Amino acid sequence: MSETWEGGCLCGDVRFRAQGAPKWTIWCHCQSCRRHSGAPAAAFACFDAAKVEMLAGEITRFRSSAKTVRGFCARCGSTLTCGGDASPGEEHIHIGAFDRAADLPPRLQYFTDERLPWMRTALDG
């Protein structure tokens, strides 16, 4: 039996489902993710794009840099995805957008050189 992960935006216009275990879960500390999410770091779960389906609405995409495309709800502005040229065939979904976000703890940290000095995670020990 395959794991099923459903989620969506704040207003409910966008709903999605991802099948199977995520390839990875991370904390991203880059400034770009901080600005997109409005949080001190962004947490992502990575799935094969072919295993992610839309249940309602569509994710609006914005090219935030030469290699990065970010996704959000056009109605409420909820941050939903991040991906792009460096990760073809993958969908990086913000963990906070999942209904069962507590079941997707980040296992790695990325761009730690850009980490805010006061930011702590469960990975810090």
Foldseek 3Di string as FASTA:
>chain_A
DWDKWKFAFDVPQWIKIAIHAFPAKEWEQDPVQCVLQVHNIFIWTKGQPVRMDTPHDDWDWDAPDPFKIWTADPPPSHGFWMGGDVDPRMTITTLVRIPPSVVHDHDYYHPCVNHDPPDDDPVVD
